[in-house]
């Protein structure tokens, strides 16, 4: 005795019913995708009639990731970077960072006897505590320019100007005591 199984008949088995349910879900998904393609094609046709041709490539966001509203919180570092960029303070802050890390950049020996003073128009002014150290910095100027440009970006520093000690040369002659009238005060 053979029994015939029909898909809609009461004698269908449970595995077949599961396959039938999966097939119905696949059909519904296919119908939904077909309807979405149809609506997209219709929208493109409507836009073409209005003279607004759709983009061929999707739009790309500048920063990648979700768009941020003005009042949304953001990372502190990103907020500082945005503030520096908006005010045009990026280079002065970078130069200040280099001046603050002078010892790391030039080494402890040179840093003990020199100090960066100013940065303007691609020129760094360095003061030395003695004429010997001023001469040493002048000899190392090319290396110093290269090292500073590694920190600040290529071409930022073009020249290093060196200034020696600010006390000036010692006067020649004998030592003087403040308030004395010279050699005549002892014969008086």
Protein backbone atom coordinates (compact mmCIF):
# COMPACT_ATOMS: atom_id res chain seq x y z
CA UNK A 1 0.00 0.00 0.00
CA UNK A 2 1.50 3.25 -1.10
CA UNK A 3 0.35 6.54 0.10
CA UNK A 4 0.91 9.68 -1.84
CA UNK A 5 2.09 12.73 0.02
CA UNK A 6 0.80 16.09 -1.00
CA UNK A 7 2.32 19.31 0.30
CA UNK A 8 -0.96 20.60 1.60
CA UNK A 9 -2.33 17.29 2.78
CA UNK A 10 -2.62 16.25 6.41
CA UNK A 11 -0.29 13.33 5.90
CA UNK A 12 2.84 15.49 5.34
CA UNK A 13 5.69 14.87 7.75
CA UNK A 14 7.31 17.45 10.11
CA UNK A 15 10.64 17.83 8.19
CA UNK A 16 8.74 18.69 5.05
CA UNK A 17 6.75 21.35 6.93
CA UNK A 18 10.02 22.91 8.12
CA UNK A 19 11.32 23.06 4.57
CA UNK A 20 8.08 24.58 3.42
CA UNK A 21 8.33 27.33 6.11
CA UNK A 22 11.91 28.11 5.07
CA UNK A 23 10.84 28.32 1.45
CA UNK A 24 8.08 30.78 2.35
CA UNK A 25 10.55 32.98 4.22
CA UNK A 26 12.94 32.92 1.27
CA UNK A 27 10.08 33.86 -1.08
CA UNK A 28 9.07 36.76 1.15
CA UNK A 29 12.69 38.01 1.27
CA UNK A 30 13.02 37.72 -2.50
CA UNK A 31 9.73 39.60 -3.02
CA UNK A 32 10.92 42.32 -0.60
CA UNK A 33 14.26 42.70 -2.39
CA UNK A 34 12.50 42.82 -5.78
CA UNK A 35 10.10 45.48 -4.49
CA UNK A 36 13.04 47.54 -3.10
CA UNK A 37 14.85 47.38 -6.45
CA UNK A 38 11.66 48.42 -8.23
CA UNK A 39 11.12 51.40 -5.89
CA UNK A 40 14.77 52.45 -6.27
CA UNK A 41 14.51 52.31 -10.06
CA UNK A 42 11.30 54.36 -9.88
CA UNK A 43 12.96 56.97 -7.63
CA UNK A 44 15.92 57.22 -10.00
CA UNK A 45 13.58 57.68 -12.96
CA UNK A 46 11.66 60.41 -11.12
CA UNK A 47 14.93 62.18 -10.24
CA UNK A 48 16.11 61.98 -13.86
CA UNK A 49 12.81 63.60 -14.99
CA UNK A 50 13.44 66.48 -12.57
CA UNK A 51 17.02 66.82 -13.82
CA UNK A 52 18.58 65.55 -10.61
CA UNK A 53 20.67 62.61 -11.65
CA UNK A 54 21.56 60.25 -8.83
CA UNK A 55 25.20 59.83 -7.80
CA UNK A 56 27.07 56.89 -9.21
CA UNK A 57 29.17 56.53 -6.04
CA UNK A 58 27.95 56.70 -2.47
CA UNK A 59 28.79 59.83 -0.52
CA UNK A 60 31.82 59.59 1.70
CA UNK A 61 32.16 61.22 5.04
CA UNK A 62 35.25 63.29 5.75
CA UNK A 63 35.96 61.73 9.15
CA UNK A 64 34.35 58.36 8.65
CA UNK A 65 31.93 57.17 11.25
CA UNK A 66 28.67 58.69 12.38
CA UNK A 67 27.98 62.37 11.91
CA UNK A 68 28.37 64.46 15.05
CA UNK A 69 25.90 67.13 16.02
CA UNK A 70 27.22 70.38 17.50
CA UNK A 71 26.11 69.59 21.04
CA UNK A 72 27.27 65.96 21.12
CA UNK A 73 30.18 65.12 23.39
CA UNK A 74 33.49 64.29 21.77
CA UNK A 75 36.91 63.05 22.81
CA UNK A 76 39.02 65.64 24.62
CA UNK A 77 42.02 65.29 22.28
CA UNK A 78 39.78 65.73 19.24
CA UNK A 79 38.17 68.83 20.78
CA UNK A 80 41.60 70.38 21.44
CA UNK A 81 42.79 69.55 17.90
CA UNK A 82 39.65 71.16 16.44
CA UNK A 83 40.15 74.27 18.60
CA UNK A 84 43.81 74.62 17.58
CA UNK A 85 42.91 74.21 13.90
CA UNK A 86 40.05 76.71 14.11
CA UNK A 87 42.24 79.36 15.75
CA UNK A 88 45.35 78.70 13.65
CA UNK A 89 47.45 77.79 16.68
CA UNK A 90 48.80 74.48 15.42
CA UNK A 91 52.33 75.66 14.59
CA UNK A 92 52.84 77.82 17.72
CA UNK A 93 51.70 74.93 19.91
CA UNK A 94 54.03 72.52 18.11
CA UNK A 95 56.95 74.94 18.54
CA UNK A 96 56.09 75.35 22.23
CA UNK A 97 56.09 71.57 22.58
CA UNK A 98 59.55 71.40 21.03
CA UNK A 99 60.83 74.17 23.31
CA UNK A 100 59.37 72.29 26.30
CA UNK A 101 61.13 69.07 25.27
CA UNK A 102 64.42 70.79 24.38
CA UNK A 103 66.50 68.43 26.53
CA UNK A 104 65.02 65.33 24.84
CA UNK A 105 65.60 66.77 21.38
CA UNK A 106 69.17 68.12 21.68
CA UNK A 107 70.48 65.96 24.50
CA UNK A 108 71.28 66.75 28.14
CA UNK A 109 74.76 68.23 27.57
CA UNK A 110 73.70 70.78 24.98
CA UNK A 111 70.45 71.54 26.82
CA UNK A 112 72.37 72.31 30.03
CA UNK A 113 74.14 75.22 28.28
CA UNK A 114 71.59 76.39 25.69
CA UNK A 115 68.00 77.51 25.64
CA UNK A 116 65.61 78.17 22.74
CA UNK A 117 64.23 81.71 22.97
CA UNK A 118 62.00 82.45 19.98
CA UNK A 119 60.73 81.06 16.71
CA UNK A 120 59.72 83.44 13.92
CA UNK A 121 59.74 83.22 10.12
CA UNK A 122 61.46 79.84 10.08
CA UNK A 123 64.26 80.96 12.40
CA UNK A 124 64.94 79.64 15.88
CA UNK A 125 66.92 81.87 18.24
CA UNK A 126 69.05 79.87 20.69
CA UNK A 127 70.98 81.50 23.55
CA UNK A 128 74.09 79.91 25.00
CA UNK A 129 75.60 80.53 28.43
CA UNK A 130 79.16 80.87 27.09
CA UNK A 131 80.89 81.75 23.86
CA UNK A 132 82.28 78.20 23.64
CA UNK A 133 78.77 76.71 23.70
CA UNK A 134 77.54 79.33 21.24
CA UNK A 135 80.29 78.24 18.86
CA UNK A 136 79.35 74.60 19.41
CA UNK A 137 75.70 75.32 18.50
CA UNK A 138 76.79 77.21 15.38
CA UNK A 139 78.79 74.16 14.31
CA UNK A 140 75.79 71.90 14.95
CA UNK A 141 73.28 74.25 13.26
CA UNK A 142 72.57 72.00 10.25
CA UNK A 143 72.03 68.96 12.44
CA UNK A 144 69.83 71.01 14.76
CA UNK A 145 67.70 72.29 11.85
CA UNK A 146 67.24 68.73 10.59
CA UNK A 147 66.30 67.46 14.06
CA UNK A 148 63.82 70.29 14.66
CA UNK A 149 62.21 69.68 11.26
CA UNK A 150 61.76 66.02 12.20
CA UNK A 151 59.71 67.20 15.17
CA UNK A 152 57.82 70.09 13.54
CA UNK A 153 57.46 69.02 9.93
CA UNK A 154 59.75 69.39 6.95
CA UNK A 155 60.68 72.97 6.08
CA UNK A 156 59.33 74.55 9.27
CA UNK A 157 62.77 75.56 10.57
CA UNK A 158 65.16 76.97 7.98
CA UNK A 159 67.79 78.57 10.17
CA UNK A 160 69.19 78.54 13.69
CA UNK A 161 70.53 81.84 14.99
CA UNK A 162 72.79 81.69 18.04
CA UNK A 163 73.30 84.38 20.64
CA UNK A 164 76.08 84.14 23.20
CA UNK A 165 76.07 85.34 26.80
CA UNK A 166 74.42 88.71 27.38
CA UNK A 167 76.88 90.11 29.95
CA UNK A 168 79.18 91.54 27.32
CA UNK A 169 82.97 91.50 27.34
CA UNK A 170 84.83 92.35 30.53
CA UNK A 171 86.43 95.74 30.63
CA UNK A 172 90.18 95.74 30.41
CA UNK A 173 92.31 97.17 33.18
CA UNK A 174 92.40 96.67 36.90
CA UNK A 175 89.51 95.71 39.07
CA UNK A 176 87.44 98.55 40.48
CA UNK A 177 85.64 98.85 43.79
CA UNK A 178 82.24 100.51 43.70
CA UNK A 179 82.38 103.99 45.19
CA UNK A 180 86.14 104.42 44.96
CA UNK A 181 87.71 107.53 43.39
CA UNK A 182 90.52 105.68 41.73
CA UNK A 183 94.21 105.57 42.67
CA UNK A 184 94.13 109.09 44.21
CA UNK A 185 92.15 107.99 47.26
CA UNK A 186 95.12 106.22 48.86
CA UNK A 187 97.46 109.23 48.74
CA UNK A 188 95.11 111.69 50.13
